[in-house]
């Protein structure tokens, strides 16, 4: 079986998105890579890595791709109420109210480029 190396997300403003993911979601900035075509920001989230991608030339920016675009990125949280309070503190738009399922609570919210993000609290 192959293991996921990272998830890449195209963003409009690498600094604003890096700040959002590090301050709001507690990701740790691991590495910044600059090339002529793009800027990459690697963020650690537990054992996973998120790669934020900012294309410098609009002709090489695949932001308008259809099939294959990531629907959302989910993060585990230990306490949904505290996580929601943190989102509201940072004026993050909630896309719905927390929804209780048999084994978890989920909540979708928006990122700085309107990417869809999700919090999951497992109910053990």
Protein backbone atom coordinates (compact mmCIF):
# COMPACT_ATOMS: atom_id res chain seq x y z
CA UNK A 1 0.00 0.00 0.00
CA UNK A 2 1.22 3.51 -0.79
CA UNK A 3 1.33 6.09 1.99
CA UNK A 4 0.10 9.65 1.46
CA UNK A 5 3.10 12.01 1.38
CA UNK A 6 1.18 15.30 1.50
CA UNK A 7 -1.90 17.16 0.29
CA UNK A 8 -1.29 20.13 -2.03
CA UNK A 9 -3.64 23.12 -1.99
CA UNK A 10 -3.39 26.01 -4.47
CA UNK A 11 -3.73 29.38 -2.70
CA UNK A 12 -3.88 33.01 -3.83
CA UNK A 13 -1.74 34.51 -1.02
CA UNK A 14 0.87 32.14 0.42
CA UNK A 15 1.59 34.37 3.43
CA UNK A 16 -2.06 34.87 4.41
CA UNK A 17 -2.78 31.15 3.97
CA UNK A 18 0.36 30.17 5.89
CA UNK A 19 -0.69 32.47 8.73
CA UNK A 20 -4.21 30.98 8.74
CA UNK A 21 -3.03 27.36 8.81
CA UNK A 22 -0.37 28.04 11.45
CA UNK A 23 -2.34 30.38 13.74
CA UNK A 24 -5.88 29.05 13.42
CA UNK A 25 -5.17 25.34 12.84
CA UNK A 26 -1.88 25.10 14.79
CA UNK A 27 0.06 23.67 11.82
CA UNK A 28 3.82 24.10 12.05
CA UNK A 29 5.62 25.76 9.15
CA UNK A 30 8.26 23.22 8.12
CA UNK A 31 9.77 24.56 4.89
CA UNK A 32 9.36 27.33 2.31
CA UNK A 33 10.54 26.70 -1.25
CA UNK A 34 10.79 29.43 -3.92
CA UNK A 35 11.20 28.69 -7.63
CA UNK A 36 10.65 30.83 -10.73
CA UNK A 37 7.22 29.25 -11.19
CA UNK A 38 5.88 28.92 -7.65
CA UNK A 39 6.23 29.29 -3.90
CA UNK A 40 5.60 26.21 -1.76
CA UNK A 41 4.94 26.26 1.97
CA UNK A 42 5.15 22.89 3.72
CA UNK A 43 3.12 22.67 6.94
CA UNK A 44 3.14 19.87 9.50
CA UNK A 45 -0.14 18.76 11.03
CA UNK A 46 0.65 15.86 13.34
CA UNK A 47 2.18 13.16 11.14
CA UNK A 48 0.71 14.68 7.97
CA UNK A 49 2.00 17.41 5.68
CA UNK A 50 0.03 20.08 3.85
CA UNK A 51 1.66 21.78 0.88
CA UNK A 52 0.37 25.25 0.07
CA UNK A 53 1.13 26.22 -3.54
CA UNK A 54 1.18 29.77 -4.92
CA UNK A 55 1.80 29.90 -8.67
CA UNK A 56 3.59 33.08 -9.78
CA UNK A 57 2.42 33.00 -13.41
CA UNK A 58 -1.33 32.80 -13.96
CA UNK A 59 -0.77 30.75 -17.13
CA UNK A 60 0.65 27.90 -15.05
CA UNK A 61 -1.95 28.18 -12.29
CA UNK A 62 -4.29 25.15 -12.39
CA UNK A 63 -6.72 26.68 -9.88
CA UNK A 64 -9.56 26.29 -12.40
CA UNK A 65 -9.16 22.50 -12.66
CA UNK A 66 -12.35 20.51 -12.53
CA UNK A 67 -12.03 16.79 -11.75
CA UNK A 68 -9.34 15.96 -9.24
CA UNK A 69 -9.73 19.09 -7.14
CA UNK A 70 -9.64 18.26 -3.43
CA UNK A 71 -13.08 18.56 -1.84
CA UNK A 72 -11.89 19.32 1.69
CA UNK A 73 -9.17 18.74 4.29
CA UNK A 74 -10.18 17.30 7.67
CA UNK A 75 -8.47 17.80 11.03
CA UNK A 76 -9.07 15.80 14.22
CA UNK A 77 -9.87 17.92 17.28
CA UNK A 78 -10.19 16.71 20.88
CA UNK A 79 -12.99 19.17 21.81
CA UNK A 80 -15.39 20.52 19.17
CA UNK A 81 -16.72 23.31 21.39
CA UNK A 82 -13.22 24.64 22.02
CA UNK A 83 -12.35 24.28 18.31
CA UNK A 84 -15.46 26.25 17.27
CA UNK A 85 -14.67 28.94 19.83
CA UNK A 86 -11.17 29.25 18.35
CA UNK A 87 -12.57 29.57 14.82
CA UNK A 88 -14.96 32.29 15.91
CA UNK A 89 -12.11 34.12 17.69
CA UNK A 90 -10.35 34.33 14.31
CA UNK A 91 -13.58 35.33 12.48
CA UNK A 92 -13.56 32.13 10.42
CA UNK A 93 -16.79 31.49 8.52
CA UNK A 94 -18.61 28.35 9.61
CA UNK A 95 -20.32 26.60 6.72
CA UNK A 96 -22.79 24.83 9.00
CA UNK A 97 -23.39 23.97 12.64
CA UNK A 98 -21.53 21.04 14.22
CA UNK A 99 -23.30 17.81 13.25
CA UNK A 100 -23.41 14.85 15.63
CA UNK A 101 -23.10 11.45 14.00
CA UNK A 102 -23.13 8.09 15.84
CA UNK A 103 -19.35 7.99 16.35
CA UNK A 104 -18.21 11.59 15.79
CA UNK A 105 -19.06 15.27 15.56
CA UNK A 106 -18.15 17.09 12.35
CA UNK A 107 -18.04 20.74 11.30
CA UNK A 108 -17.21 22.32 7.95
CA UNK A 109 -15.70 25.81 7.72
CA UNK A 110 -13.98 28.01 5.17
CA UNK A 111 -10.30 28.76 4.70
CA UNK A 112 -8.78 32.00 3.39
CA UNK A 113 -9.28 31.00 -0.29
CA UNK A 114 -12.74 29.54 0.38
CA UNK A 115 -11.32 26.04 0.57
CA UNK A 116 -13.55 23.73 2.56
CA UNK A 117 -12.07 22.47 5.81
CA UNK A 118 -13.50 20.08 8.38
CA UNK A 119 -13.04 19.42 12.09
CA UNK A 120 -13.77 15.91 13.40
CA UNK A 121 -14.18 15.03 17.08
CA UNK A 122 -14.26 11.28 17.60
CA UNK A 123 -16.71 10.06 20.23
CA UNK A 124 -15.11 7.04 21.84
